[in-house]
Amino acid sequence: MKKSIFILLLTSALYAGAADIGNDQPLRLKDGSYLFISEDDTMRMVDKDGRPLQMKDGVEMELEDGTLIMMKNKKIWRHDHRKHKSLN
């Protein structure tokens, strides 16, 4: 039951975050590439020169602000609002 509630809350946060982004606004990743999220929540990625990139399922991608996202079946699977903490 707790797992179902967690998944529901995570999904709700994901859709709320994606709704704020908009269709024409790309997300910039730390490596300089861009991620576009369409209205049906599918994603596509291009490099800094605009060439399409193949995205692998289950690989974390970090946005410029440190937000972690993951793609599963061409859709956002996880949206983590935590930032990496340095291991000093």
PDB file of N, CA and C in Angstrom:
ATOM      1  N   MET A   1       0.826  -1.199   0.000  1.00  0.00           N
ATOM      2  CA  MET A   1       0.000   0.000   0.000  1.00  0.00           C
ATOM      3  C   MET A   1       0.868   1.261   0.000  1.00  0.00           C
ATOM      4  N   LYS A   2       1.906   1.259   0.870  1.00  0.00           N
ATOM      5  CA  LYS A   2       2.782   2.427   0.925  1.00  0.00           C
ATOM      6  C   LYS A   2       3.500   2.631  -0.406  1.00  0.00           C
ATOM      7  N   LYS A   3       3.874   1.517  -1.039  1.00  0.00           N
ATOM      8  CA  LYS A   3       4.557   1.617  -2.323  1.00  0.00           C
ATOM      9  C   LYS A   3       3.636   2.231  -3.380  1.00  0.00           C
ATOM     10  N   SER A   4       2.366   1.854  -3.368  1.00  0.00           N
ATOM     11  CA  SER A   4       1.400   2.405  -4.325  1.00  0.00           C
ATOM     12  C   SER A   4       1.203   3.901  -4.117  1.00  0.00           C
ATOM     13  N   ILE A   5       1.128   4.313  -2.862  1.00  0.00           N
ATOM     14  CA  ILE A   5       0.975   5.737  -2.551  1.00  0.00           C
ATOM     15  C   ILE A   5       2.209   6.506  -3.000  1.00  0.00           C
ATOM     16  N   PHE A   6       3.395   5.932  -2.750  1.00  0.00           N
ATOM     17  CA  PHE A   6       4.634   6.580  -3.158  1.00  0.00           C
ATOM     18  C   PHE A   6       4.671   6.764  -4.678  1.00  0.00           C
ATOM     19  N   ILE A   7       4.305   5.723  -5.411  1.00  0.00           N
ATOM     20  CA  ILE A   7       4.302   5.804  -6.876  1.00  0.00           C
ATOM     21  C   ILE A   7       3.310   6.851  -7.358  1.00  0.00           C
ATOM     22  N   LEU A   8       2.143   6.905  -6.732  1.00  0.00           N
ATOM     23  CA  LEU A   8       1.133   7.900  -7.096  1.00  0.00           C
ATOM     24  C   LEU A   8       1.648   9.318  -6.856  1.00  0.00           C
ATOM     25  N   LEU A   9       2.272   9.546  -5.702  1.00  0.00           N
ATOM     26  CA  LEU A   9       2.806  10.877  -5.397  1.00  0.00           C
ATOM     27  C   LEU A   9       3.946  11.240  -6.339  1.00  0.00           C
ATOM     28  N   LEU A  10       4.804  10.285  -6.625  1.00  0.00           N
ATOM     29  CA  LEU A  10       5.917  10.540  -7.530  1.00  0.00           C
ATOM     30  C   LEU A  10       5.415  10.877  -8.931  1.00  0.00           C
ATOM     31  N   THR A  11       4.419  10.142  -9.391  1.00  0.00           N
ATOM     32  CA  THR A  11       3.838  10.406 -10.708  1.00  0.00           C
ATOM     33  C   THR A  11       3.174  11.777 -10.752  1.00  0.00           C
ATOM     34  N   SER A  12       2.476  12.142  -9.684  1.00  0.00           N
ATOM     35  CA  SER A  12       1.830  13.458  -9.627  1.00  0.00           C
ATOM     36  C   SER A  12       2.858  14.571  -9.690  1.00  0.00           C
ATOM     37  N   ALA A  13       3.949  14.419  -8.948  1.00  0.00           N
ATOM     38  CA  ALA A  13       5.009  15.428  -8.958  1.00  0.00           C
ATOM     39  C   ALA A  13       5.648  15.519 -10.335  1.00  0.00           C
ATOM     40  N   LEU A  14       5.792  14.389 -10.974  1.00  0.00           N
ATOM     41  CA  LEU A  14       6.369  14.347 -12.307  1.00  0.00           C
ATOM     42  C   LEU A  14       5.524  15.127 -13.299  1.00  0.00           C
ATOM     43  N   TYR A  15       4.221  14.875 -13.320  1.00  0.00           N
ATOM     44  CA  TYR A  15       3.346  15.575 -14.255  1.00  0.00           C
ATOM     45  C   TYR A  15       3.262  17.061 -13.938  1.00  0.00           C
ATOM     46  N   ALA A  16       3.289  17.423 -12.671  1.00  0.00           N
ATOM     47  CA  ALA A  16       3.261  18.842 -12.307  1.00  0.00           C
ATOM     48  C   ALA A  16       4.529  19.528 -12.791  1.00  0.00           C
ATOM     49  N   GLY A  17       5.671  18.864 -12.628  1.00  0.00           N
ATOM     50  CA  GLY A  17       6.931  19.427 -13.087  1.00  0.00           C
ATOM     51  C   GLY A  17       6.989  19.541 -14.595  1.00  0.00           C
ATOM     52  N   ALA A  18       6.515  18.532 -15.284  1.00  0.00           N
ATOM     53  CA  ALA A  18       6.530  18.548 -16.746  1.00  0.00           C
ATOM     54  C   ALA A  18       5.577  19.598 -17.296  1.00  0.00           C
ATOM     55  N   ALA A  19       4.478  19.853 -16.616  1.00  0.00           N
ATOM     56  CA  ALA A  19       3.513  20.853 -17.071  1.00  0.00           C
ATOM     57  C   ALA A  19       4.111  22.253 -17.007  1.00  0.00           C
ATOM     58  N   ASP A  20       4.999  22.495 -16.043  1.00  0.00           N
ATOM     59  CA  ASP A  20       5.625  23.804 -15.910  1.00  0.00           C
ATOM     60  C   ASP A  20       6.621  24.077 -17.030  1.00  0.00           C
ATOM     61  N   ILE A  21       7.171  23.035 -17.608  1.00  0.00           N
ATOM     62  CA  ILE A  21       8.233  23.190 -18.582  1.00  0.00           C
ATOM     63  C   ILE A  21       7.707  23.719 -19.904  1.00  0.00           C
ATOM     64  N   GLY A  22       6.642  23.167 -20.401  1.00  0.00           N
ATOM     65  CA  GLY A  22       6.096  23.602 -21.681  1.00  0.00           C
ATOM     66  C   GLY A  22       6.753  22.873 -22.836  1.00  0.00           C
ATOM     67  N   ASN A  23       6.110  22.921 -23.960  1.00  0.00           N
ATOM     68  CA  ASN A  23       6.548  22.149 -25.112  1.00  0.00           C
ATOM     69  C   ASN A  23       7.744  22.768 -25.823  1.00  0.00           C
ATOM     70  N   ASP A  24       7.827  24.076 -25.882  1.00  0.00           N
ATOM     71  CA  ASP A  24       8.873  24.739 -26.649  1.00  0.00           C
ATOM     72  C   ASP A  24      10.130  25.016 -25.841  1.00  0.00           C
ATOM     73  N   GLN A  25      10.127  24.689 -24.591  1.00  0.00           N
ATOM     74  CA  GLN A  25      11.246  25.037 -23.727  1.00  0.00           C
ATOM     75  C   GLN A  25      12.122  23.809 -23.471  1.00  0.00           C
ATOM     76  N   PRO A  26      13.319  23.748 -24.070  1.00  0.00           N
ATOM     77  CA  PRO A  26      14.184  22.587 -23.855  1.00  0.00           C
ATOM     78  C   PRO A  26      14.837  22.628 -22.477  1.00  0.00           C
ATOM     79  N   LEU A  27      15.158  21.455 -21.970  1.00  0.00           N
ATOM     80  CA  LEU A  27      15.899  21.342 -20.719  1.00  0.00           C
ATOM     81  C   LEU A  27      17.356  21.110 -21.082  1.00  0.00           C
ATOM     82  N   ARG A  28      18.243  21.892 -20.506  1.00  0.00           N
ATOM     83  CA  ARG A  28      19.667  21.748 -20.813  1.00  0.00           C
ATOM     84  C   ARG A  28      20.313  20.814 -19.797  1.00  0.00           C
ATOM     85  N   LEU A  29      21.028  19.838 -20.313  1.00  0.00           N
ATOM     86  CA  LEU A  29      21.739  18.888 -19.468  1.00  0.00           C
ATOM     87  C   LEU A  29      23.156  19.382 -19.210  1.00  0.00           C
ATOM     88  N   LYS A  30      23.781  18.837 -18.163  1.00  0.00           N
ATOM     89  CA  LYS A  30      25.128  19.275 -17.796  1.00  0.00           C
ATOM     90  C   LYS A  30      26.149  19.068 -18.902  1.00  0.00           C
ATOM     91  N   ASP A  31      25.939  18.063 -19.762  1.00  0.00           N
ATOM     92  CA  ASP A  31      26.895  17.795 -20.838  1.00  0.00           C
ATOM     93  C   ASP A  31      26.695  18.704 -22.052  1.00  0.00           C
ATOM     94  N   GLY A  32      25.727  19.625 -21.981  1.00  0.00           N
ATOM     95  CA  GLY A  32      25.488  20.566 -23.068  1.00  0.00           C
ATOM     96  C   GLY A  32      24.388  20.146 -24.025  1.00  0.00           C
ATOM     97  N   SER A  33      23.889  18.922 -23.890  1.00  0.00           N
ATOM     98  CA  SER A  33      22.796  18.472 -24.755  1.00  0.00           C
ATOM     99  C   SER A  33      21.465  19.004 -24.230  1.00  0.00           C
ATOM    100  N   TYR A  34      20.430  18.857 -25.050  1.00  0.00           N
ATOM    101  CA  TYR A  34      19.102  19.366 -24.695  1.00  0.00           C
ATOM    102  C   TYR A  34      18.083  18.237 -24.711  1.00  0.00           C
ATOM    103  N   LEU A  35      17.119  18.330 -23.821  1.00  0.00           N
ATOM    104  CA  LEU A  35      16.052  17.350 -23.710  1.00  0.00           C
ATOM    105  C   LEU A  35      14.729  18.066 -23.927  1.00  0.00           C
ATOM    106  N   PHE A  36      13.889  17.519 -24.790  1.00  0.00           N
ATOM    107  CA  PHE A  36      12.576  18.084 -25.072  1.00  0.00           C
ATOM    108  C   PHE A  36      11.517  17.108 -24.586  1.00  0.00           C
ATOM    109  N   ILE A  37      10.513  17.608 -23.878  1.00  0.00           N
ATOM    110  CA  ILE A  37       9.413  16.783 -23.389  1.00  0.00           C
ATOM    111  C   ILE A  37       8.152  17.240 -24.106  1.00  0.00           C
ATOM    112  N   SER A  38       7.513  16.316 -24.815  1.00  0.00           N
ATOM    113  CA  SER A  38       6.305  16.660 -25.562  1.00  0.00           C
ATOM    114  C   SER A  38       5.074  16.567 -24.672  1.00  0.00           C
ATOM    115  N   GLU A  39       3.930  16.958 -25.214  1.00  0.00           N
ATOM    116  CA  GLU A  39       2.685  16.961 -24.443  1.00  0.00           C
ATOM    117  C   GLU A  39       2.272  15.574 -23.980  1.00  0.00           C
ATOM    118  N   ASP A  40       2.652  14.530 -24.717  1.00  0.00           N
ATOM    119  CA  ASP A  40       2.313  13.163 -24.294  1.00  0.00           C
ATOM    120  C   ASP A  40       3.390  12.566 -23.384  1.00  0.00           C
ATOM    121  N   ASP A  41       4.279  13.411 -22.867  1.00  0.00           N
ATOM    122  CA  ASP A  41       5.344  13.067 -21.923  1.00  0.00           C
ATOM    123  C   ASP A  41       6.444  12.202 -22.517  1.00  0.00           C
ATOM    124  N   THR A  42       6.496  12.049 -23.839  1.00  0.00           N
ATOM    125  CA  THR A  42       7.639  11.375 -24.437  1.00  0.00           C
ATOM    126  C   THR A  42       8.779  12.380 -24.525  1.00  0.00           C
ATOM    127  N   MET A  43       9.992  11.868 -24.584  1.00  0.00           N
ATOM    128  CA  MET A  43      11.158  12.738 -24.586  1.00  0.00           C
ATOM    129  C   MET A  43      12.002  12.469 -25.824  1.00  0.00           C
ATOM    130  N   ARG A  44      12.714  13.501 -26.244  1.00  0.00           N
ATOM    131  CA  ARG A  44      13.728  13.343 -27.280  1.00  0.00           C
ATOM    132  C   ARG A  44      14.908  14.206 -26.873  1.00  0.00           C
ATOM    133  N   MET A  45      16.073  13.807 -27.326  1.00  0.00           N
ATOM    134  CA  MET A  45      17.291  14.478 -26.895  1.00  0.00           C
ATOM    135  C   MET A  45      18.130  14.827 -28.115  1.00  0.00           C
ATOM    136  N   VAL A  46      18.749  16.009 -28.081  1.00  0.00           N
ATOM    137  CA  VAL A  46      19.659  16.433 -29.142  1.00  0.00           C
ATOM    138  C   VAL A  46      20.958  16.904 -28.506  1.00  0.00           C
ATOM    139  N   ASP A  47      22.058  16.776 -29.261  1.00  0.00           N
ATOM    140  CA  ASP A  47      23.328  17.265 -28.736  1.00  0.00           C
ATOM    141  C   ASP A  47      23.392  18.786 -28.861  1.00  0.00           C
ATOM    142  N   LYS A  48      24.508  19.362 -28.438  1.00  0.00           N
ATOM    143  CA  LYS A  48      24.607  20.832 -28.443  1.00  0.00           C
ATOM    144  C   LYS A  48      24.549  21.428 -29.843  1.00  0.00           C
ATOM    145  N   ASP A  49      24.775  20.590 -30.880  1.00  0.00           N
ATOM    146  CA  ASP A  49      24.684  21.050 -32.265  1.00  0.00           C
ATOM    147  C   ASP A  49      23.333  20.752 -32.902  1.00  0.00           C
ATOM    148  N   GLY A  50      22.394  20.173 -32.138  1.00  0.00           N
ATOM    149  CA  GLY A  50      21.056  19.901 -32.635  1.00  0.00           C
ATOM    150  C   GLY A  50      20.858  18.542 -33.279  1.00  0.00           C
ATOM    151  N   ARG A  51      21.888  17.682 -33.247  1.00  0.00           N
ATOM    152  CA  ARG A  51      21.752  16.341 -33.821  1.00  0.00           C
ATOM    153  C   ARG A  51      21.048  15.421 -32.829  1.00  0.00           C
ATOM    154  N   PRO A  52      20.104  14.601 -33.310  1.00  0.00           N
ATOM    155  CA  PRO A  52      19.376  13.688 -32.414  1.00  0.00           C
ATOM    156  C   PRO A  52      20.314  12.689 -31.741  1.00  0.00           C
ATOM    157  N   LEU A  53      20.046  12.410 -30.477  1.00  0.00           N
ATOM    158  CA  LEU A  53      20.805  11.427 -29.711  1.00  0.00           C
ATOM    159  C   LEU A  53      19.893  10.283 -29.311  1.00  0.00           C
ATOM    160  N   GLN A  54      20.442   9.095 -29.268  1.00  0.00           N
ATOM    161  CA  GLN A  54      19.709   7.926 -28.797  1.00  0.00           C
ATOM    162  C   GLN A  54      19.788   7.895 -27.270  1.00  0.00           C
ATOM    163  N   MET A  55      18.648   7.785 -26.622  1.00  0.00           N
ATOM    164  CA  MET A  55      18.609   7.730 -25.160  1.00  0.00           C
ATOM    165  C   MET A  55      18.382   6.288 -24.739  1.00  0.00           C
ATOM    166  N   LYS A  56      19.144   5.832 -23.737  1.00  0.00           N
ATOM    167  CA  LYS A  56      18.987   4.475 -23.231  1.00  0.00           C
ATOM    168  C   LYS A  56      18.075   4.483 -22.014  1.00  0.00           C
ATOM    169  N   ASP A  57      17.265   3.437 -21.884  1.00  0.00           N
ATOM    170  CA  ASP A  57      16.396   3.297 -20.715  1.00  0.00           C
ATOM    171  C   ASP A  57      17.222   3.140 -19.444  1.00  0.00           C
ATOM    172  N   GLY A  58      16.764   3.794 -18.383  1.00  0.00           N
ATOM    173  CA  GLY A  58      17.344   3.607 -17.060  1.00  0.00           C
ATOM    174  C   GLY A  58      18.637   4.344 -16.795  1.00  0.00           C
ATOM    175  N   VAL A  59      19.065   5.218 -17.681  1.00  0.00           N
ATOM    176  CA  VAL A  59      20.293   5.983 -17.472  1.00  0.00           C
ATOM    177  C   VAL A  59      19.918   7.346 -16.913  1.00  0.00           C
ATOM    178  N   GLU A  60      20.491   7.693 -15.748  1.00  0.00           N
ATOM    179  CA  GLU A  60      20.188   8.996 -15.154  1.00  0.00           C
ATOM    180  C   GLU A  60      20.838  10.101 -15.964  1.00  0.00           C
ATOM    181  N   MET A  61      20.112  11.181 -16.122  1.00  0.00           N
ATOM    182  CA  MET A  61      20.622  12.366 -16.788  1.00  0.00           C
ATOM    183  C   MET A  61      20.507  13.519 -15.803  1.00  0.00           C
ATOM    184  N   GLU A  62      21.513  14.362 -15.762  1.00  0.00           N
ATOM    185  CA  GLU A  62      21.513  15.469 -14.814  1.00  0.00           C
ATOM    186  C   GLU A  62      21.351  16.791 -15.552  1.00  0.00           C
ATOM    187  N   LEU A  63      20.358  17.565 -15.123  1.00  0.00           N
ATOM    188  CA  LEU A  63      20.144  18.889 -15.693  1.00  0.00           C
ATOM    189  C   LEU A  63      21.181  19.853 -15.147  1.00  0.00           C
ATOM    190  N   GLU A  64      21.276  21.021 -15.735  1.00  0.00           N
ATOM    191  CA  GLU A  64      22.238  22.032 -15.284  1.00  0.00           C
ATOM    192  C   GLU A  64      22.072  22.378 -13.812  1.00  0.00           C
ATOM    193  N   ASP A  65      20.834  22.365 -13.319  1.00  0.00           N
ATOM    194  CA  ASP A  65      20.593  22.732 -11.924  1.00  0.00           C
ATOM    195  C   ASP A  65      20.794  21.568 -10.956  1.00  0.00           C
ATOM    196  N   GLY A  66      21.205  20.400 -11.453  1.00  0.00           N
ATOM    197  CA  GLY A  66      21.452  19.250 -10.596  1.00  0.00           C
ATOM    198  C   GLY A  66      20.279  18.294 -10.474  1.00  0.00           C
ATOM    199  N   THR A  67      19.136  18.625 -11.082  1.00  0.00           N
ATOM    200  CA  THR A  67      17.974  17.742 -11.044  1.00  0.00           C
ATOM    201  C   THR A  67      18.273  16.484 -11.853  1.00  0.00           C
ATOM    202  N   LEU A  68      17.930  15.323 -11.297  1.00  0.00           N
ATOM    203  CA  LEU A  68      18.154  14.051 -11.975  1.00  0.00           C
ATOM    204  C   LEU A  68      16.860  13.554 -12.597  1.00  0.00           C
ATOM    205  N   ILE A  69      16.941  13.106 -13.842  1.00  0.00           N
ATOM    206  CA  ILE A  69      15.779  12.524 -14.507  1.00  0.00           C
ATOM    207  C   ILE A  69      16.213  11.224 -15.165  1.00  0.00           C
ATOM    208  N   MET A  70      15.237  10.379 -15.451  1.00  0.00           N
ATOM    209  CA  MET A  70      15.522   9.098 -16.088  1.00  0.00           C
ATOM    210  C   MET A  70      14.431   8.810 -17.111  1.00  0.00           C
ATOM    211  N   MET A  71      14.801   8.142 -18.199  1.00  0.00           N
ATOM    212  CA  MET A  71      13.855   7.811 -19.246  1.00  0.00           C
ATOM    213  C   MET A  71      13.591   6.313 -19.235  1.00  0.00           C
ATOM    214  N   LYS A  72      12.325   5.948 -19.398  1.00  0.00           N
ATOM    215  CA  LYS A  72      11.921   4.539 -19.499  1.00  0.00           C
ATOM    216  C   LYS A  72      10.862   4.458 -20.585  1.00  0.00           C
ATOM    217  N   ASN A  73      11.124   3.706 -21.649  1.00  0.00           N
ATOM    218  CA  ASN A  73      10.205   3.575 -22.789  1.00  0.00           C
ATOM    219  C   ASN A  73       9.848   4.930 -23.402  1.00  0.00           C
ATOM    220  N   LYS A  74      10.846   5.777 -23.561  1.00  0.00           N
ATOM    221  CA  LYS A  74      10.719   7.119 -24.144  1.00  0.00           C
ATOM    222  C   LYS A  74       9.844   8.066 -23.329  1.00  0.00           C
ATOM    223  N   LYS A  75       9.615   7.755 -22.067  1.00  0.00           N
ATOM    224  CA  LYS A  75       8.862   8.647 -21.186  1.00  0.00           C
ATOM    225  C   LYS A  75       9.668   8.894 -19.924  1.00  0.00           C
ATOM    226  N   ILE A  76       9.363  10.013 -19.260  1.00  0.00           N
ATOM    227  CA  ILE A  76      10.023  10.289 -17.991  1.00  0.00           C
ATOM    228  C   ILE A  76       9.595   9.223 -17.003  1.00  0.00           C
ATOM    229  N   TRP A  77      10.561   8.568 -16.424  1.00  0.00           N
ATOM    230  CA  TRP A  77      10.259   7.503 -15.480  1.00  0.00           C
ATOM    231  C   TRP A  77      10.471   7.962 -14.060  1.00  0.00           C
ATOM    232  N   ARG A  78      11.452   8.786 -13.852  1.00  0.00           N
ATOM    233  CA  ARG A  78      11.712   9.277 -12.511  1.00  0.00           C
ATOM    234  C   ARG A  78      12.179  10.717 -12.614  1.00  0.00           C
ATOM    235  N   HIS A  79      11.714  11.516 -11.719  1.00  0.00           N
ATOM    236  CA  HIS A  79      12.093  12.921 -11.680  1.00  0.00           C
ATOM    237  C   HIS A  79      12.525  13.203 -10.259  1.00  0.00           C
ATOM    238  N   ASP A  80      13.802  13.340 -10.036  1.00  0.00           N
ATOM    239  CA  ASP A  80      14.348  13.482  -8.700  1.00  0.00           C
ATOM    240  C   ASP A  80      14.714  14.941  -8.464  1.00  0.00           C
ATOM    241  N   HIS A  81      14.092  15.539  -7.471  1.00  0.00           N
ATOM    242  CA  HIS A  81      14.330  16.958  -7.195  1.00  0.00           C
ATOM    243  C   HIS A  81      15.541  17.188  -6.299  1.00  0.00           C
ATOM    244  N   ARG A  82      16.190  16.108  -5.868  1.00  0.00           N
ATOM    245  CA  ARG A  82      17.379  16.265  -5.035  1.00  0.00           C
ATOM    246  C   ARG A  82      18.575  16.577  -5.913  1.00  0.00           C
ATOM    247  N   LYS A  83      19.530  17.272  -5.345  1.00  0.00           N
ATOM    248  CA  LYS A  83      20.769  17.545  -6.049  1.00  0.00           C
ATOM    249  C   LYS A  83      21.854  16.651  -5.460  1.00  0.00           C
ATOM    250  N   HIS A  84      22.862  16.350  -6.282  1.00  0.00           N
ATOM    251  CA  HIS A  84      23.984  15.560  -5.788  1.00  0.00           C
ATOM    252  C   HIS A  84      24.668  16.303  -4.655  1.00  0.00           C
ATOM    253  N   LYS A  85      25.093  15.564  -3.650  1.00  0.00           N
ATOM    254  CA  LYS A  85      25.892  16.152  -2.583  1.00  0.00           C
ATOM    255  C   LYS A  85      27.323  15.695  -2.796  1.00  0.00           C
ATOM    256  N   SER A  86      28.255  16.604  -2.629  1.00  0.00           N
ATOM    257  CA  SER A  86      29.652  16.231  -2.831  1.00  0.00           C
ATOM    258  C   SER A  86      30.087  15.267  -1.738  1.00  0.00           C
ATOM    259  N   LEU A  87      31.008  14.408  -2.088  1.00  0.00           N
ATOM    260  CA  LEU A  87      31.496  13.394  -1.151  1.00  0.00           C
ATOM    261  C   LEU A  87      32.833  13.829  -0.574  1.00  0.00           C
ATOM    262  N   ASN A  88      32.880  14.986   0.003  1.00  0.00           N
ATOM    263  CA  ASN A  88      34.127  15.502   0.593  1.00  0.00           C
ATOM    264  C   ASN A  88      34.372  14.904   1.938  1.00  0.00           C
TER     265      ASN A  88
END
